[in-house]
Amino acid sequence: MSQEPEKQLLHLVIGGQLSDLEGVEFTNLDEVDIVGVYPNYKKAYDAWKQKAQMTVDDAQTRYFIVHLHRLLDPENDD
C-alpha cells in the first residue's frame, strides 16, 4: 500500500529587529534574516522556534512564519 506524498504547503521564516513592538515594520530591511522556505508548517515552526529562542533576550527582534501557499494560491486555503 503506497502513501501519497504530502501536499507541499510552502512557508517562509523571516525575522529581524522591529522599529515598534506593536507592529511588523523592520528597522532595516537589509538586515532581515531570511531563515528559509519550508515545505510544511511543522518544519517552518521548528525553524522559527529555534531562531526565536536564540533571540529571546532581544525584545526588539521577532521571527515570523509567512504562509506562502496562501499567497501563491489564495483560492485554495488548506
N, C-alpha and C. Protein backbone atom coordinates (compact mmCIF):
# COMPACT_ATOMS: atom_id res chain seq x y z
N MET A 1 0.85 -1.17 0.00
CA MET A 1 0.00 0.00 0.00
C MET A 1 0.90 1.24 0.00
N SER A 2 0.83 2.02 -1.05
CA SER A 2 1.70 3.19 -1.14
C SER A 2 0.96 4.43 -0.61
N GLN A 3 1.72 5.27 0.06
CA GLN A 3 1.17 6.51 0.57
C GLN A 3 1.38 7.62 -0.45
N GLU A 4 0.39 8.49 -0.57
CA GLU A 4 0.56 9.65 -1.43
C GLU A 4 1.48 10.63 -0.73
N PRO A 5 2.34 11.31 -1.48
CA PRO A 5 3.22 12.28 -0.85
C PRO A 5 2.41 13.42 -0.26
N GLU A 6 2.92 13.96 0.84
CA GLU A 6 2.25 15.07 1.50
C GLU A 6 2.22 16.29 0.57
N LYS A 7 1.08 16.97 0.54
CA LYS A 7 0.94 18.15 -0.30
C LYS A 7 1.90 19.24 0.21
N GLN A 8 2.61 19.85 -0.72
CA GLN A 8 3.58 20.88 -0.37
C GLN A 8 2.85 22.20 -0.10
N LEU A 9 2.98 22.70 1.12
CA LEU A 9 2.40 23.98 1.51
C LEU A 9 3.55 24.86 1.99
N LEU A 10 4.07 25.69 1.09
CA LEU A 10 5.27 26.46 1.38
C LEU A 10 5.08 27.50 2.48
N HIS A 11 6.08 27.58 3.35
CA HIS A 11 6.12 28.56 4.43
C HIS A 11 7.50 29.21 4.45
N LEU A 12 7.53 30.50 4.70
CA LEU A 12 8.76 31.28 4.79
C LEU A 12 8.96 31.72 6.22
N VAL A 13 10.18 31.57 6.73
CA VAL A 13 10.51 32.05 8.07
C VAL A 13 11.48 33.22 7.92
N ILE A 14 11.07 34.38 8.45
CA ILE A 14 11.91 35.58 8.41
C ILE A 14 11.88 36.24 9.78
N GLY A 15 12.86 37.10 10.02
CA GLY A 15 12.88 37.83 11.28
C GLY A 15 13.87 38.96 11.25
N GLY A 16 13.84 39.72 12.31
CA GLY A 16 14.75 40.84 12.43
C GLY A 16 14.28 41.79 13.51
N GLN A 17 14.99 42.89 13.61
CA GLN A 17 14.68 43.88 14.62
C GLN A 17 13.53 44.77 14.15
N LEU A 18 12.53 44.92 15.00
CA LEU A 18 11.36 45.73 14.67
C LEU A 18 11.55 47.16 15.15
N SER A 19 10.97 48.10 14.42
CA SER A 19 11.05 49.50 14.82
C SER A 19 10.06 49.80 15.95
N ASP A 20 8.99 49.00 16.04
CA ASP A 20 7.97 49.19 17.07
C ASP A 20 7.40 47.81 17.41
N LEU A 21 7.34 47.49 18.68
CA LEU A 21 6.86 46.17 19.09
C LEU A 21 5.38 45.96 18.81
N GLU A 22 4.65 47.02 18.55
CA GLU A 22 3.22 46.92 18.26
C GLU A 22 2.95 46.58 16.79
N GLY A 23 3.97 46.68 15.93
CA GLY A 23 3.76 46.44 14.51
C GLY A 23 4.70 45.39 13.96
N VAL A 24 4.79 45.36 12.64
CA VAL A 24 5.67 44.40 11.98
C VAL A 24 6.57 45.11 10.97
N GLU A 25 7.00 46.31 11.31
CA GLU A 25 7.92 47.06 10.45
C GLU A 25 9.34 46.87 10.97
N PHE A 26 10.20 46.39 10.07
CA PHE A 26 11.60 46.16 10.43
C PHE A 26 12.39 47.46 10.41
N THR A 27 13.37 47.58 11.30
CA THR A 27 14.18 48.80 11.36
C THR A 27 15.08 48.92 10.14
N ASN A 28 15.56 47.80 9.62
CA ASN A 28 16.46 47.84 8.47
C ASN A 28 16.22 46.60 7.61
N LEU A 29 15.62 46.80 6.44
CA LEU A 29 15.31 45.65 5.57
C LEU A 29 16.56 44.93 5.08
N ASP A 30 17.69 45.63 5.02
CA ASP A 30 18.93 44.98 4.60
C ASP A 30 19.41 43.95 5.62
N GLU A 31 18.93 44.05 6.84
CA GLU A 31 19.37 43.14 7.89
C GLU A 31 18.31 42.10 8.26
N VAL A 32 17.22 42.01 7.50
CA VAL A 32 16.20 40.99 7.76
C VAL A 32 16.81 39.61 7.54
N ASP A 33 16.60 38.75 8.50
CA ASP A 33 17.12 37.38 8.46
C ASP A 33 16.11 36.49 7.74
N ILE A 34 16.46 36.09 6.52
CA ILE A 34 15.61 35.15 5.77
C ILE A 34 16.11 33.76 6.12
N VAL A 35 15.39 33.12 7.02
CA VAL A 35 15.82 31.82 7.55
C VAL A 35 15.68 30.74 6.49
N GLY A 36 14.55 30.72 5.79
CA GLY A 36 14.38 29.73 4.74
C GLY A 36 12.93 29.50 4.37
N VAL A 37 12.76 28.68 3.34
CA VAL A 37 11.44 28.27 2.86
C VAL A 37 11.30 26.79 3.18
N TYR A 38 10.12 26.43 3.72
CA TYR A 38 9.90 25.07 4.20
C TYR A 38 8.65 24.47 3.56
N PRO A 39 8.63 23.15 3.37
CA PRO A 39 7.53 22.50 2.64
C PRO A 39 6.24 22.32 3.44
N ASN A 40 6.30 22.57 4.75
CA ASN A 40 5.09 22.44 5.56
C ASN A 40 5.23 23.27 6.84
N TYR A 41 4.12 23.44 7.53
CA TYR A 41 4.11 24.28 8.73
C TYR A 41 5.00 23.71 9.83
N LYS A 42 5.00 22.42 10.01
CA LYS A 42 5.79 21.79 11.08
C LYS A 42 7.27 22.12 10.96
N LYS A 43 7.81 21.99 9.75
CA LYS A 43 9.24 22.29 9.56
C LYS A 43 9.51 23.78 9.72
N ALA A 44 8.58 24.62 9.25
CA ALA A 44 8.72 26.07 9.42
C ALA A 44 8.66 26.43 10.90
N TYR A 45 7.75 25.82 11.62
CA TYR A 45 7.62 26.08 13.06
C TYR A 45 8.90 25.71 13.80
N ASP A 46 9.47 24.58 13.47
CA ASP A 46 10.71 24.15 14.13
C ASP A 46 11.84 25.16 13.89
N ALA A 47 11.95 25.66 12.66
CA ALA A 47 12.98 26.67 12.34
C ALA A 47 12.68 27.97 13.06
N TRP A 48 11.41 28.38 13.07
CA TRP A 48 11.00 29.61 13.76
C TRP A 48 11.33 29.51 15.25
N LYS A 49 10.99 28.39 15.86
CA LYS A 49 11.21 28.21 17.30
C LYS A 49 12.68 28.30 17.65
N GLN A 50 13.52 27.68 16.84
CA GLN A 50 14.96 27.72 17.09
C GLN A 50 15.47 29.15 17.03
N LYS A 51 15.09 29.90 15.99
CA LYS A 51 15.54 31.29 15.85
C LYS A 51 14.98 32.17 16.95
N ALA A 52 13.71 31.98 17.29
CA ALA A 52 13.08 32.78 18.34
C ALA A 52 13.77 32.55 19.68
N GLN A 53 14.12 31.32 19.98
CA GLN A 53 14.80 31.01 21.24
C GLN A 53 16.21 31.61 21.28
N MET A 54 16.85 31.70 20.12
CA MET A 54 18.20 32.28 20.06
C MET A 54 18.18 33.78 20.33
N THR A 55 17.04 34.43 20.11
CA THR A 55 16.95 35.88 20.27
C THR A 55 16.01 36.28 21.41
N VAL A 56 15.76 35.38 22.33
CA VAL A 56 14.80 35.63 23.40
C VAL A 56 15.19 36.83 24.27
N ASP A 57 16.46 37.14 24.38
CA ASP A 57 16.90 38.26 25.21
C ASP A 57 16.82 39.61 24.50
N ASP A 58 16.52 39.62 23.21
CA ASP A 58 16.40 40.86 22.43
C ASP A 58 14.93 41.12 22.15
N ALA A 59 14.31 41.97 22.96
CA ALA A 59 12.87 42.21 22.87
C ALA A 59 12.46 42.82 21.53
N GLN A 60 13.35 43.49 20.85
CA GLN A 60 13.01 44.14 19.57
C GLN A 60 13.06 43.17 18.39
N THR A 61 13.65 42.00 18.58
CA THR A 61 13.78 41.05 17.48
C THR A 61 12.65 40.03 17.51
N ARG A 62 12.03 39.87 16.34
CA ARG A 62 10.92 38.92 16.21
C ARG A 62 11.10 38.10 14.94
N TYR A 63 10.62 36.88 14.98
CA TYR A 63 10.61 36.00 13.81
C TYR A 63 9.16 35.66 13.48
N PHE A 64 8.90 35.46 12.19
CA PHE A 64 7.55 35.23 11.70
C PHE A 64 7.53 34.05 10.73
N ILE A 65 6.38 33.38 10.68
CA ILE A 65 6.13 32.35 9.68
C ILE A 65 5.12 32.96 8.70
N VAL A 66 5.52 33.03 7.44
CA VAL A 66 4.66 33.55 6.37
C VAL A 66 4.12 32.35 5.59
N HIS A 67 2.81 32.28 5.46
CA HIS A 67 2.17 31.18 4.74
C HIS A 67 2.20 31.48 3.24
N LEU A 68 3.30 31.13 2.59
CA LEU A 68 3.45 31.42 1.17
C LEU A 68 2.39 30.73 0.32
N HIS A 69 1.97 29.55 0.71
CA HIS A 69 0.97 28.81 -0.07
C HIS A 69 -0.33 29.60 -0.15
N ARG A 70 -0.63 30.41 0.84
CA ARG A 70 -1.86 31.22 0.80
C ARG A 70 -1.71 32.39 -0.17
N LEU A 71 -0.50 32.88 -0.31
CA LEU A 71 -0.25 33.97 -1.26
C LEU A 71 -0.20 33.45 -2.69
N LEU A 72 0.36 32.25 -2.86
CA LEU A 72 0.51 31.68 -4.20
C LEU A 72 -0.80 31.12 -4.75
N ASP A 73 -1.65 30.63 -3.86
CA ASP A 73 -2.92 30.02 -4.28
C ASP A 73 -4.03 30.42 -3.31
N PRO A 74 -4.47 31.69 -3.36
CA PRO A 74 -5.45 32.17 -2.38
C PRO A 74 -6.83 31.49 -2.48
N GLU A 75 -7.14 30.90 -3.62
CA GLU A 75 -8.43 30.23 -3.80
C GLU A 75 -8.51 28.92 -3.01
N ASN A 76 -7.36 28.30 -2.77
CA ASN A 76 -7.31 27.01 -2.11
C ASN A 76 -6.60 27.17 -0.76
N ASP A 77 -7.31 27.54 0.27
CA ASP A 77 -6.73 27.82 1.57
C ASP A 77 -6.75 26.57 2.46
N ASP A 78 -5.75 25.69 2.26
CA ASP A 78 -5.65 24.46 3.06
C ASP A 78 -5.15 24.75 4.45
